[in-house]
């Protein structure tokens, strides 16, 4: 299942793989990704792309969104979050 939403020139795509919940943001060719294990109880990993190397880990979704926004050069408030991703974080 993949859910996408576009707002403020940013596209957010949420999907679940066999091992992860993945939220990927794209803006003007730049990407940022937030990943969590499929069980939804581990720390969030921020990456420059869905399959990129981990940059940082966070307990809270707000902190992960702040970092993702920084990678894209936007305000965290500008990031659209698809409904299935609302409960990411610990």
PDB file of N, CA and C in Angstrom:
ATOM      1  N   UNK A   1       0.840  -1.176   0.000  1.00  0.00           N
ATOM      2  CA  UNK A   1       0.000   0.000   0.000  1.00  0.00           C
ATOM      3  C   UNK A   1       0.892   1.248   0.000  1.00  0.00           C
ATOM      4  N   UNK A   2       0.657   2.148  -0.919  1.00  0.00           N
ATOM      5  CA  UNK A   2       1.378   3.414  -0.975  1.00  0.00           C
ATOM      6  C   UNK A   2       0.367   4.539  -0.954  1.00  0.00           C
ATOM      7  N   UNK A   3       0.630   5.534  -0.121  1.00  0.00           N
ATOM      8  CA  UNK A   3      -0.223   6.709  -0.030  1.00  0.00           C
ATOM      9  C   UNK A   3       0.628   7.931  -0.310  1.00  0.00           C
ATOM     10  N   UNK A   4       0.174   8.800  -1.208  1.00  0.00           N
ATOM     11  CA  UNK A   4       0.917  10.008  -1.552  1.00  0.00           C
ATOM     12  C   UNK A   4       0.047  11.240  -1.359  1.00  0.00           C
ATOM     13  N   UNK A   5       0.706  12.333  -1.014  1.00  0.00           N
ATOM     14  CA  UNK A   5       0.034  13.620  -0.905  1.00  0.00           C
ATOM     15  C   UNK A   5       1.040  14.693  -1.322  1.00  0.00           C
ATOM     16  N   UNK A   6       0.550  15.722  -2.017  1.00  0.00           N
ATOM     17  CA  UNK A   6       1.407  16.827  -2.443  1.00  0.00           C
ATOM     18  C   UNK A   6       0.822  18.134  -1.949  1.00  0.00           C
ATOM     19  N   UNK A   7       1.647  18.906  -1.256  1.00  0.00           N
ATOM     20  CA  UNK A   7       1.277  20.232  -0.774  1.00  0.00           C
ATOM     21  C   UNK A   7       2.534  21.086  -0.740  1.00  0.00           C
ATOM     22  N   UNK A   8       2.384  22.380  -0.941  1.00  0.00           N
ATOM     23  CA  UNK A   8       3.497  23.320  -0.826  1.00  0.00           C
ATOM     24  C   UNK A   8       4.687  22.945  -1.711  1.00  0.00           C
ATOM     25  N   UNK A   9       4.428  22.291  -2.839  1.00  0.00           N
ATOM     26  CA  UNK A   9       5.500  21.895  -3.742  1.00  0.00           C
ATOM     27  C   UNK A   9       6.299  20.690  -3.263  1.00  0.00           C
ATOM     28  N   UNK A  10       5.786  20.006  -2.237  1.00  0.00           N
ATOM     29  CA  UNK A  10       6.468  18.847  -1.667  1.00  0.00           C
ATOM     30  C   UNK A  10       5.549  17.632  -1.794  1.00  0.00           C
ATOM     31  N   UNK A  11       6.093  16.535  -2.299  1.00  0.00           N
ATOM     32  CA  UNK A  11       5.338  15.292  -2.376  1.00  0.00           C
ATOM     33  C   UNK A  11       5.826  14.364  -1.275  1.00  0.00           C
ATOM     34  N   UNK A  12       4.887  13.814  -0.513  1.00  0.00           N
ATOM     35  CA  UNK A  12       5.191  12.838   0.521  1.00  0.00           C
ATOM     36  C   UNK A  12       4.575  11.508   0.111  1.00  0.00           C
ATOM     37  N   UNK A  13       5.377  10.452   0.205  1.00  0.00           N
ATOM     38  CA  UNK A  13       4.908   9.114  -0.145  1.00  0.00           C
ATOM     39  C   UNK A  13       5.147   8.199   1.051  1.00  0.00           C
ATOM     40  N   UNK A  14       4.091   7.552   1.520  1.00  0.00           N
ATOM     41  CA  UNK A  14       4.191   6.595   2.626  1.00  0.00           C
ATOM     42  C   UNK A  14       3.959   5.203   2.080  1.00  0.00           C
ATOM     43  N   UNK A  15       4.809   4.271   2.484  1.00  0.00           N
ATOM     44  CA  UNK A  15       4.611   2.884   2.097  1.00  0.00           C
ATOM     45  C   UNK A  15       5.177   1.968   3.169  1.00  0.00           C
ATOM     46  N   UNK A  16       4.710   0.752   3.160  1.00  0.00           N
ATOM     47  CA  UNK A  16       5.213  -0.262   4.063  1.00  0.00           C
ATOM     48  C   UNK A  16       5.861  -1.361   3.244  1.00  0.00           C
ATOM     49  N   UNK A  17       7.115  -1.661   3.589  1.00  0.00           N
ATOM     50  CA  UNK A  17       7.823  -2.766   2.945  1.00  0.00           C
ATOM     51  C   UNK A  17       7.747  -3.965   3.881  1.00  0.00           C
ATOM     52  N   UNK A  18       8.449  -5.024   3.560  1.00  0.00           N
ATOM     53  CA  UNK A  18       8.461  -6.200   4.432  1.00  0.00           C
ATOM     54  C   UNK A  18       9.082  -5.892   5.788  1.00  0.00           C
ATOM     55  N   UNK A  19       9.978  -4.900   5.842  1.00  0.00           N
ATOM     56  CA  UNK A  19      10.718  -4.636   7.076  1.00  0.00           C
ATOM     57  C   UNK A  19      10.533  -3.229   7.643  1.00  0.00           C
ATOM     58  N   UNK A  20      10.014  -2.280   6.846  1.00  0.00           N
ATOM     59  CA  UNK A  20       9.960  -0.896   7.300  1.00  0.00           C
ATOM     60  C   UNK A  20       8.669  -0.172   6.939  1.00  0.00           C
ATOM     61  N   UNK A  21       8.387   0.834   7.740  1.00  0.00           N
ATOM     62  CA  UNK A  21       7.414   1.868   7.384  1.00  0.00           C
ATOM     63  C   UNK A  21       8.279   3.006   6.849  1.00  0.00           C
ATOM     64  N   UNK A  22       7.957   3.522   5.697  1.00  0.00           N
ATOM     65  CA  UNK A  22       8.819   4.478   5.026  1.00  0.00           C
ATOM     66  C   UNK A  22       8.029   5.697   4.578  1.00  0.00           C
ATOM     67  N   UNK A  23       8.515   6.873   4.956  1.00  0.00           N
ATOM     68  CA  UNK A  23       7.919   8.142   4.549  1.00  0.00           C
ATOM     69  C   UNK A  23       8.993   8.914   3.798  1.00  0.00           C
ATOM     70  N   UNK A  24       8.763   9.145   2.516  1.00  0.00           N
ATOM     71  CA  UNK A  24       9.757   9.809   1.663  1.00  0.00           C
ATOM     72  C   UNK A  24       9.180  11.122   1.157  1.00  0.00           C
ATOM     73  N   UNK A  25       9.957  12.193   1.325  1.00  0.00           N
ATOM     74  CA  UNK A  25       9.577  13.518   0.846  1.00  0.00           C
ATOM     75  C   UNK A  25      10.432  13.866  -0.361  1.00  0.00           C
ATOM     76  N   UNK A  26       9.820  14.547  -1.345  1.00  0.00           N
ATOM     77  CA  UNK A  26      10.561  15.001  -2.515  1.00  0.00           C
ATOM     78  C   UNK A  26      10.171  16.436  -2.826  1.00  0.00           C
ATOM     79  N   UNK A  27      11.203  17.253  -3.067  1.00  0.00           N
ATOM     80  CA  UNK A  27      10.990  18.660  -3.429  1.00  0.00           C
ATOM     81  C   UNK A  27      12.087  19.080  -4.399  1.00  0.00           C
ATOM     82  N   UNK A  28      11.690  19.470  -5.592  1.00  0.00           N
ATOM     83  CA  UNK A  28      12.616  19.976  -6.605  1.00  0.00           C
ATOM     84  C   UNK A  28      13.825  19.067  -6.796  1.00  0.00           C
ATOM     85  N   UNK A  29      13.578  17.761  -6.834  1.00  0.00           N
ATOM     86  CA  UNK A  29      14.639  16.790  -7.072  1.00  0.00           C
ATOM     87  C   UNK A  29      15.390  16.342  -5.824  1.00  0.00           C
ATOM     88  N   UNK A  30      15.212  17.035  -4.714  1.00  0.00           N
ATOM     89  CA  UNK A  30      15.848  16.643  -3.452  1.00  0.00           C
ATOM     90  C   UNK A  30      14.915  15.708  -2.692  1.00  0.00           C
ATOM     91  N   UNK A  31      15.489  14.768  -1.949  1.00  0.00           N
ATOM     92  CA  UNK A  31      14.676  13.841  -1.171  1.00  0.00           C
ATOM     93  C   UNK A  31      15.155  13.761   0.271  1.00  0.00           C
ATOM     94  N   UNK A  32      14.250  13.333   1.127  1.00  0.00           N
ATOM     95  CA  UNK A  32      14.538  13.027   2.528  1.00  0.00           C
ATOM     96  C   UNK A  32      13.594  11.910   2.919  1.00  0.00           C
ATOM     97  N   UNK A  33      14.070  10.983   3.727  1.00  0.00           N
ATOM     98  CA  UNK A  33      13.249   9.835   4.103  1.00  0.00           C
ATOM     99  C   UNK A  33      13.292   9.609   5.609  1.00  0.00           C
ATOM    100  N   UNK A  34      12.164   9.150   6.128  1.00  0.00           N
ATOM    101  CA  UNK A  34      12.060   8.753   7.530  1.00  0.00           C
ATOM    102  C   UNK A  34      11.603   7.297   7.519  1.00  0.00           C
ATOM    103  N   UNK A  35      12.342   6.444   8.237  1.00  0.00           N
ATOM    104  CA  UNK A  35      12.028   5.017   8.265  1.00  0.00           C
ATOM    105  C   UNK A  35      11.878   4.529   9.699  1.00  0.00           C
ATOM    106  N   UNK A  36      11.001   3.558   9.877  1.00  0.00           N
ATOM    107  CA  UNK A  36      10.776   2.923  11.173  1.00  0.00           C
ATOM    108  C   UNK A  36      10.538   1.441  10.914  1.00  0.00           C
ATOM    109  N   UNK A  37      10.894   0.586  11.871  1.00  0.00           N
ATOM    110  CA  UNK A  37      10.662  -0.836  11.624  1.00  0.00           C
ATOM    111  C   UNK A  37       9.171  -1.095  11.445  1.00  0.00           C
ATOM    112  N   UNK A  38       8.840  -2.196  10.822  1.00  0.00           N
ATOM    113  CA  UNK A  38       7.455  -2.484  10.458  1.00  0.00           C
ATOM    114  C   UNK A  38       6.556  -2.621  11.682  1.00  0.00           C
ATOM    115  N   UNK A  39       7.138  -2.996  12.820  1.00  0.00           N
ATOM    116  CA  UNK A  39       6.352  -3.103  14.043  1.00  0.00           C
ATOM    117  C   UNK A  39       5.969  -1.753  14.613  1.00  0.00           C
ATOM    118  N   UNK A  40       6.661  -0.709  14.190  1.00  0.00           N
ATOM    119  CA  UNK A  40       6.323   0.643  14.606  1.00  0.00           C
ATOM    120  C   UNK A  40       6.770   1.019  15.997  1.00  0.00           C
ATOM    121  N   UNK A  41       7.732   0.296  16.572  1.00  0.00           N
ATOM    122  CA  UNK A  41       8.135   0.618  17.929  1.00  0.00           C
ATOM    123  C   UNK A  41       9.582   1.073  18.063  1.00  0.00           C
ATOM    124  N   UNK A  42      10.338   1.097  17.004  1.00  0.00           N
ATOM    125  CA  UNK A  42      11.746   1.484  17.066  1.00  0.00           C
ATOM    126  C   UNK A  42      11.923   2.971  16.767  1.00  0.00           C
ATOM    127  N   UNK A  43      13.132   3.450  17.013  1.00  0.00           N
ATOM    128  CA  UNK A  43      13.461   4.835  16.713  1.00  0.00           C
ATOM    129  C   UNK A  43      13.324   5.078  15.213  1.00  0.00           C
ATOM    130  N   UNK A  44      13.088   6.330  14.870  1.00  0.00           N
ATOM    131  CA  UNK A  44      12.974   6.738  13.474  1.00  0.00           C
ATOM    132  C   UNK A  44      14.357   7.027  12.917  1.00  0.00           C
ATOM    133  N   UNK A  45      14.605   6.591  11.707  1.00  0.00           N
ATOM    134  CA  UNK A  45      15.878   6.831  11.029  1.00  0.00           C
ATOM    135  C   UNK A  45      15.649   7.861   9.934  1.00  0.00           C
ATOM    136  N   UNK A  46      16.466   8.891   9.904  1.00  0.00           N
ATOM    137  CA  UNK A  46      16.390   9.879   8.832  1.00  0.00           C
ATOM    138  C   UNK A  46      17.511   9.572   7.848  1.00  0.00           C
ATOM    139  N   UNK A  47      17.146   9.547   6.574  1.00  0.00           N
ATOM    140  CA  UNK A  47      18.083   9.242   5.484  1.00  0.00           C
ATOM    141  C   UNK A  47      17.928  10.297   4.394  1.00  0.00           C
ATOM    142  N   UNK A  48      18.934  10.449   3.540  1.00  0.00           N
ATOM    143  CA  UNK A  48      18.799  11.388   2.431  1.00  0.00           C
ATOM    144  C   UNK A  48      17.887  10.858   1.324  1.00  0.00           C
ATOM    145  N   UNK A  49      17.637   9.546   1.320  1.00  0.00           N
ATOM    146  CA  UNK A  49      16.741   8.910   0.343  1.00  0.00           C
ATOM    147  C   UNK A  49      16.223   7.620   0.966  1.00  0.00           C
ATOM    148  N   UNK A  50      15.266   6.986   0.311  1.00  0.00           N
ATOM    149  CA  UNK A  50      14.658   5.770   0.852  1.00  0.00           C
ATOM    150  C   UNK A  50      15.691   4.687   1.133  1.00  0.00           C
ATOM    151  N   UNK A  51      16.678   4.560   0.260  1.00  0.00           N
ATOM    152  CA  UNK A  51      17.682   3.511   0.432  1.00  0.00           C
ATOM    153  C   UNK A  51      19.049   4.069   0.808  1.00  0.00           C
ATOM    154  N   UNK A  52      19.092   5.334   1.237  1.00  0.00           N
ATOM    155  CA  UNK A  52      20.356   5.968   1.613  1.00  0.00           C
ATOM    156  C   UNK A  52      20.825   5.549   2.995  1.00  0.00           C
ATOM    157  N   UNK A  53      22.041   5.959   3.321  1.00  0.00           N
ATOM    158  CA  UNK A  53      22.612   5.668   4.631  1.00  0.00           C
ATOM    159  C   UNK A  53      21.932   6.506   5.701  1.00  0.00           C
ATOM    160  N   UNK A  54      21.787   5.927   6.857  1.00  0.00           N
ATOM    161  CA  UNK A  54      21.168   6.610   7.990  1.00  0.00           C
ATOM    162  C   UNK A  54      22.006   7.822   8.402  1.00  0.00           C
ATOM    163  N   UNK A  55      21.337   8.962   8.578  1.00  0.00           N
ATOM    164  CA  UNK A  55      22.016  10.171   9.020  1.00  0.00           C
ATOM    165  C   UNK A  55      21.889  10.373  10.530  1.00  0.00           C
ATOM    166  N   UNK A  56      20.712  10.046  11.053  1.00  0.00           N
ATOM    167  CA  UNK A  56      20.428  10.283  12.476  1.00  0.00           C
ATOM    168  C   UNK A  56      19.224   9.450  12.888  1.00  0.00           C
ATOM    169  N   UNK A  57      19.095   9.207  14.211  1.00  0.00           N
ATOM    170  CA  UNK A  57      17.922   8.512  14.756  1.00  0.00           C
ATOM    171  C   UNK A  57      17.233   9.413  15.769  1.00  0.00           C
ATOM    172  N   UNK A  58      15.903   9.309  15.796  1.00  0.00           N
ATOM    173  CA  UNK A  58      15.102  10.116  16.713  1.00  0.00           C
ATOM    174  C   UNK A  58      13.998   9.260  17.331  1.00  0.00           C
ATOM    175  N   UNK A  59      13.651   9.586  18.580  1.00  0.00           N
ATOM    176  CA  UNK A  59      12.496   8.949  19.221  1.00  0.00           C
ATOM    177  C   UNK A  59      11.203   9.575  18.712  1.00  0.00           C
ATOM    178  N   UNK A  60      11.216  10.891  18.561  1.00  0.00           N
ATOM    179  CA  UNK A  60       9.999  11.614  18.224  1.00  0.00           C
ATOM    180  C   UNK A  60       9.864  11.914  16.745  1.00  0.00           C
ATOM    181  N   UNK A  61       8.634  11.841  16.274  1.00  0.00           N
ATOM    182  CA  UNK A  61       8.321  12.133  14.879  1.00  0.00           C
ATOM    183  C   UNK A  61       8.616  13.594  14.554  1.00  0.00           C
ATOM    184  N   UNK A  62       8.317  14.503  15.496  1.00  0.00           N
ATOM    185  CA  UNK A  62       8.560  15.932  15.249  1.00  0.00           C
ATOM    186  C   UNK A  62      10.032  16.212  14.958  1.00  0.00           C
ATOM    187  N   UNK A  63      10.918  15.584  15.717  1.00  0.00           N
ATOM    188  CA  UNK A  63      12.358  15.797  15.503  1.00  0.00           C
ATOM    189  C   UNK A  63      12.806  15.233  14.155  1.00  0.00           C
ATOM    190  N   UNK A  64      12.265  14.079  13.780  1.00  0.00           N
ATOM    191  CA  UNK A  64      12.601  13.492  12.481  1.00  0.00           C
ATOM    192  C   UNK A  64      12.091  14.383  11.349  1.00  0.00           C
ATOM    193  N   UNK A  65      10.884  14.937  11.512  1.00  0.00           N
ATOM    194  CA  UNK A  65      10.354  15.860  10.507  1.00  0.00           C
ATOM    195  C   UNK A  65      11.208  17.118  10.406  1.00  0.00           C
ATOM    196  N   UNK A  66      11.684  17.628  11.538  1.00  0.00           N
ATOM    197  CA  UNK A  66      12.570  18.796  11.518  1.00  0.00           C
ATOM    198  C   UNK A  66      13.811  18.519  10.674  1.00  0.00           C
ATOM    199  N   UNK A  67      14.411  17.354  10.873  1.00  0.00           N
ATOM    200  CA  UNK A  67      15.618  17.006  10.127  1.00  0.00           C
ATOM    201  C   UNK A  67      15.318  16.823   8.639  1.00  0.00           C
ATOM    202  N   UNK A  68      14.216  16.154   8.327  1.00  0.00           N
ATOM    203  CA  UNK A  68      13.832  15.968   6.923  1.00  0.00           C
ATOM    204  C   UNK A  68      13.602  17.325   6.252  1.00  0.00           C
ATOM    205  N   UNK A  69      12.931  18.224   6.952  1.00  0.00           N
ATOM    206  CA  UNK A  69      12.682  19.562   6.406  1.00  0.00           C
ATOM    207  C   UNK A  69      13.990  20.297   6.158  1.00  0.00           C
ATOM    208  N   UNK A  70      14.924  20.153   7.072  1.00  0.00           N
ATOM    209  CA  UNK A  70      16.239  20.792   6.910  1.00  0.00           C
ATOM    210  C   UNK A  70      16.935  20.282   5.652  1.00  0.00           C
ATOM    211  N   UNK A  71      16.853  18.975   5.412  1.00  0.00           N
ATOM    212  CA  UNK A  71      17.466  18.396   4.208  1.00  0.00           C
ATOM    213  C   UNK A  71      16.848  18.956   2.930  1.00  0.00           C
ATOM    214  N   UNK A  72      15.566  19.300   2.997  1.00  0.00           N
ATOM    215  CA  UNK A  72      14.863  19.831   1.822  1.00  0.00           C
ATOM    216  C   UNK A  72      14.897  21.353   1.751  1.00  0.00           C
ATOM    217  N   UNK A  73      15.362  22.004   2.809  1.00  0.00           N
ATOM    218  CA  UNK A  73      15.420  23.466   2.825  1.00  0.00           C
ATOM    219  C   UNK A  73      14.063  24.123   2.993  1.00  0.00           C
ATOM    220  N   UNK A  74      13.171  23.489   3.770  1.00  0.00           N
ATOM    221  CA  UNK A  74      11.828  24.025   4.004  1.00  0.00           C
ATOM    222  C   UNK A  74      11.524  24.009   5.498  1.00  0.00           C
ATOM    223  N   UNK A  75      10.420  24.608   5.864  1.00  0.00           N
ATOM    224  CA  UNK A  75       9.938  24.563   7.240  1.00  0.00           C
ATOM    225  C   UNK A  75       9.291  23.209   7.495  1.00  0.00           C
ATOM    226  N   UNK A  76       9.449  22.660   8.696  1.00  0.00           N
ATOM    227  CA  UNK A  76       8.769  21.397   9.007  1.00  0.00           C
ATOM    228  C   UNK A  76       7.252  21.489   8.845  1.00  0.00           C
ATOM    229  N   UNK A  77       6.710  22.680   9.034  1.00  0.00           N
ATOM    230  CA  UNK A  77       5.264  22.875   8.898  1.00  0.00           C
ATOM    231  C   UNK A  77       4.796  22.749   7.452  1.00  0.00           C
ATOM    232  N   UNK A  78       5.736  22.841   6.498  1.00  0.00           N
ATOM    233  CA  UNK A  78       5.397  22.718   5.079  1.00  0.00           C
ATOM    234  C   UNK A  78       5.326  21.261   4.611  1.00  0.00           C
ATOM    235  N   UNK A  79       5.826  20.333   5.421  1.00  0.00           N
ATOM    236  CA  UNK A  79       5.847  18.933   5.009  1.00  0.00           C
ATOM    237  C   UNK A  79       4.463  18.301   5.135  1.00  0.00           C
ATOM    238  N   UNK A  80       3.916  17.809   4.037  1.00  0.00           N
ATOM    239  CA  UNK A  80       2.646  17.085   4.133  1.00  0.00           C
ATOM    240  C   UNK A  80       2.902  15.689   4.683  1.00  0.00           C
ATOM    241  N   UNK A  81       2.010  15.205   5.526  1.00  0.00           N
ATOM    242  CA  UNK A  81       2.164  13.868   6.110  1.00  0.00           C
ATOM    243  C   UNK A  81       0.906  13.054   5.793  1.00  0.00           C
ATOM    244  N   UNK A  82       1.038  12.016   4.981  1.00  0.00           N
ATOM    245  CA  UNK A  82      -0.106  11.160   4.691  1.00  0.00           C
ATOM    246  C   UNK A  82      -0.650  10.546   5.985  1.00  0.00           C
ATOM    247  N   UNK A  83      -1.946  10.390   6.079  1.00  0.00           N
ATOM    248  CA  UNK A  83      -2.603   9.894   7.292  1.00  0.00           C
ATOM    249  C   UNK A  83      -1.994   8.612   7.862  1.00  0.00           C
ATOM    250  N   UNK A  84      -1.628   7.610   7.060  1.00  0.00           N
ATOM    251  CA  UNK A  84      -1.076   6.394   7.653  1.00  0.00           C
ATOM    252  C   UNK A  84       0.264   6.595   8.389  1.00  0.00           C
ATOM    253  N   UNK A  85       0.930   7.721   8.146  1.00  0.00           N
ATOM    254  CA  UNK A  85       2.217   8.010   8.791  1.00  0.00           C
ATOM    255  C   UNK A  85       2.076   8.833  10.059  1.00  0.00           C
ATOM    256  N   UNK A  86       0.863   9.266  10.390  1.00  0.00           N
ATOM    257  CA  UNK A  86       0.647  10.136  11.550  1.00  0.00           C
ATOM    258  C   UNK A  86       1.165   9.567  12.868  1.00  0.00           C
ATOM    259  N   UNK A  87       1.199   8.246  12.994  1.00  0.00           N
ATOM    260  CA  UNK A  87       1.574   7.638  14.267  1.00  0.00           C
ATOM    261  C   UNK A  87       3.018   7.143  14.311  1.00  0.00           C
ATOM    262  N   UNK A  88       3.855   7.603  13.395  1.00  0.00           N
ATOM    263  CA  UNK A  88       5.253   7.200  13.428  1.00  0.00           C
ATOM    264  C   UNK A  88       5.936   7.836  14.640  1.00  0.00           C
ATOM    265  N   UNK A  89       6.941   7.164  15.172  1.00  0.00           N
ATOM    266  CA  UNK A  89       7.662   7.646  16.336  1.00  0.00           C
ATOM    267  C   UNK A  89       7.282   6.863  17.565  1.00  0.00           C
ATOM    268  N   UNK A  90       7.989   7.132  18.640  1.00  0.00           N
ATOM    269  CA  UNK A  90       7.741   6.389  19.884  1.00  0.00           C
ATOM    270  C   UNK A  90       6.930   7.218  20.850  1.00  0.00           C
TER     271      UNK A  90
END
